[in-house]
Amino acid sequence: MNAPAPMDAARLAELVHAALDDGKGVDIRVLDVGAMTVITDYMIIVTGRSARQVKALSDRVREAVAKHKHEGVSVIGSEGEAQGEWVLLDLGDVIVHIMQPEAREFYQLEKLWEERPRAQADAP
């Protein structure tokens, strides 16, 4: 029997988005950052209304990813789960930021990773 093909980054991002949506995550943003960095292809940012919801969303992502382990996906690393203010899950091709509203507003990751025009080499 052939092993299933590894899950591609876009499909992994869809899987994570669905898990976050099922967990009632607020303002889910999927950012395609592959052209801006070599560390990942997508960053997903979502708000959880409380520490409990942030942790629950993190658990949902972990559970969804675990169901697809046979396709080569797993949680490579995580930070912040004990505190529940801002959880980062590194899935390799996808990095997930699950944040309480205050942290999301303060750090404004969407602005940090939005596409900006590149400076012209001959610009003054």
Protein backbone atom coordinates (compact mmCIF):
# COMPACT_ATOMS: atom_id res chain seq x y z
CA MET A 1 0.00 0.00 0.00
CA ASN A 2 1.28 3.46 -0.88
CA ALA A 3 1.75 6.04 1.82
CA PRO A 4 -0.37 9.18 1.40
CA ALA A 5 1.34 12.20 -0.11
CA PRO A 6 2.55 14.81 2.37
CA MET A 7 0.04 17.55 3.05
CA ASP A 8 0.86 20.75 1.20
CA ALA A 9 0.97 24.12 2.98
CA ALA A 10 -2.27 25.47 1.52
CA ARG A 11 -4.22 22.39 2.59
CA LEU A 12 -2.66 22.53 6.06
CA ALA A 13 -3.71 26.19 6.35
CA GLU A 14 -7.27 25.20 5.39
CA LEU A 15 -7.26 22.43 8.01
CA VAL A 16 -6.09 24.84 10.72
CA HIS A 17 -8.62 27.49 9.65
CA ALA A 18 -11.45 24.95 9.89
CA ALA A 19 -10.34 23.86 13.37
CA LEU A 20 -10.18 27.47 14.57
CA ASP A 21 -13.55 28.27 13.02
CA ASP A 22 -15.12 25.21 14.69
CA GLY A 23 -13.75 26.49 18.01
CA LYS A 24 -15.42 29.86 17.47
CA GLY A 25 -12.14 31.72 16.95
CA VAL A 26 -12.67 35.40 16.19
CA ASP A 27 -11.30 37.29 13.15
CA ILE A 28 -9.30 34.43 11.63
CA ARG A 29 -6.69 35.78 9.22
CA VAL A 30 -4.65 33.56 6.92
CA LEU A 31 -1.58 35.42 5.63
CA ASP A 32 0.43 34.04 2.71
CA VAL A 33 3.95 35.06 3.74
CA GLY A 34 5.89 32.60 1.60
CA ALA A 35 7.25 35.34 -0.65
CA MET A 36 8.41 37.40 2.36
CA THR A 37 10.21 34.80 4.47
CA VAL A 38 11.79 31.38 4.28
CA ILE A 39 10.60 30.31 7.75
CA THR A 40 7.01 29.47 6.76
CA ASP A 41 4.45 29.72 3.97
CA TYR A 42 1.42 30.84 5.99
CA MET A 43 0.75 32.64 9.25
CA ILE A 44 -2.66 32.27 10.76
CA ILE A 45 -3.76 34.79 13.38
CA VAL A 46 -6.90 34.36 15.45
CA THR A 47 -8.39 35.90 18.57
CA GLY A 48 -9.66 33.91 21.53
CA ARG A 49 -11.85 35.86 23.94
CA SER A 50 -10.23 34.45 27.10
CA ALA A 51 -7.27 32.39 28.27
CA ARG A 52 -9.57 29.37 28.36
CA GLN A 53 -10.66 29.86 24.74
CA VAL A 54 -7.07 30.48 23.60
CA LYS A 55 -6.07 27.15 25.15
CA ALA A 56 -9.13 25.40 23.69
CA LEU A 57 -8.32 26.72 20.21
CA SER A 58 -4.75 25.48 20.60
CA ASP A 59 -6.09 22.05 21.59
CA ARG A 60 -8.39 21.99 18.54
CA VAL A 61 -5.49 22.71 16.21
CA ARG A 62 -3.39 20.01 17.87
CA GLU A 63 -6.24 17.49 17.53
CA ALA A 64 -6.84 18.35 13.87
CA VAL A 65 -3.14 18.04 13.07
CA ALA A 66 -2.84 14.74 14.97
CA LYS A 67 -5.54 13.23 12.75
CA HIS A 68 -3.29 13.90 9.75
CA LYS A 69 0.02 12.75 11.20
CA HIS A 70 0.17 10.06 8.51
CA GLU A 71 0.39 12.92 5.97
CA GLY A 72 3.56 14.26 7.54
CA VAL A 73 2.15 17.10 9.63
CA SER A 74 2.77 17.67 13.32
CA VAL A 75 3.25 20.40 15.87
CA ILE A 76 7.00 21.09 15.77
CA GLY A 77 6.97 23.53 18.66
CA SER A 78 4.73 25.67 20.82
CA GLU A 79 4.97 28.60 23.19
CA GLY A 80 2.63 30.30 25.64
CA GLU A 81 0.15 27.52 26.33
CA ALA A 82 0.54 27.73 30.10
CA GLN A 83 -0.34 31.44 30.19
CA GLY A 84 -3.05 31.47 27.51
CA GLU A 85 -2.50 35.10 26.48
CA TRP A 86 -0.72 34.31 23.20
CA VAL A 87 -0.10 30.77 21.98
CA LEU A 88 2.20 30.11 19.05
CA LEU A 89 2.03 26.75 17.29
CA ASP A 90 4.73 25.94 14.75
CA LEU A 91 3.52 23.46 12.17
CA GLY A 92 6.43 24.07 9.81
CA ASP A 93 4.69 25.37 6.68
CA VAL A 94 2.09 27.10 8.87
CA ILE A 95 2.61 29.13 12.04
CA VAL A 96 -0.47 29.77 14.16
CA HIS A 97 -0.85 32.73 16.54
CA ILE A 98 -3.80 32.43 18.93
CA MET A 99 -4.11 35.64 20.92
CA GLN A 100 -6.36 37.34 23.43
CA PRO A 101 -7.77 40.65 22.12
CA GLU A 102 -5.37 42.87 24.08
CA ALA A 103 -2.26 41.07 22.81
CA ARG A 104 -3.51 41.02 19.22
CA GLU A 105 -4.27 44.73 19.28
CA PHE A 106 -0.93 45.57 20.88
CA TYR A 107 1.32 43.50 18.57
CA GLN A 108 -0.69 43.98 15.34
CA LEU A 109 0.97 41.08 13.54
CA GLU A 110 -1.17 41.64 10.45
CA LYS A 111 0.49 45.02 9.91
CA LEU A 112 3.94 43.54 10.45
CA TRP A 113 3.38 40.88 7.78
CA GLU A 114 1.28 42.79 5.25
CA GLU A 115 2.86 43.07 1.84
CA ARG A 116 4.71 46.27 1.20
CA PRO A 117 6.17 47.47 -2.07
CA ARG A 118 9.90 46.85 -2.24
CA ALA A 119 12.16 49.88 -2.33
CA GLN A 120 13.66 50.67 -5.71
CA ALA A 121 17.44 50.03 -5.85
CA ASP A 122 18.02 53.43 -7.43
CA ALA A 123 15.71 55.35 -5.09
CA PRO A 124 17.36 58.20 -3.17
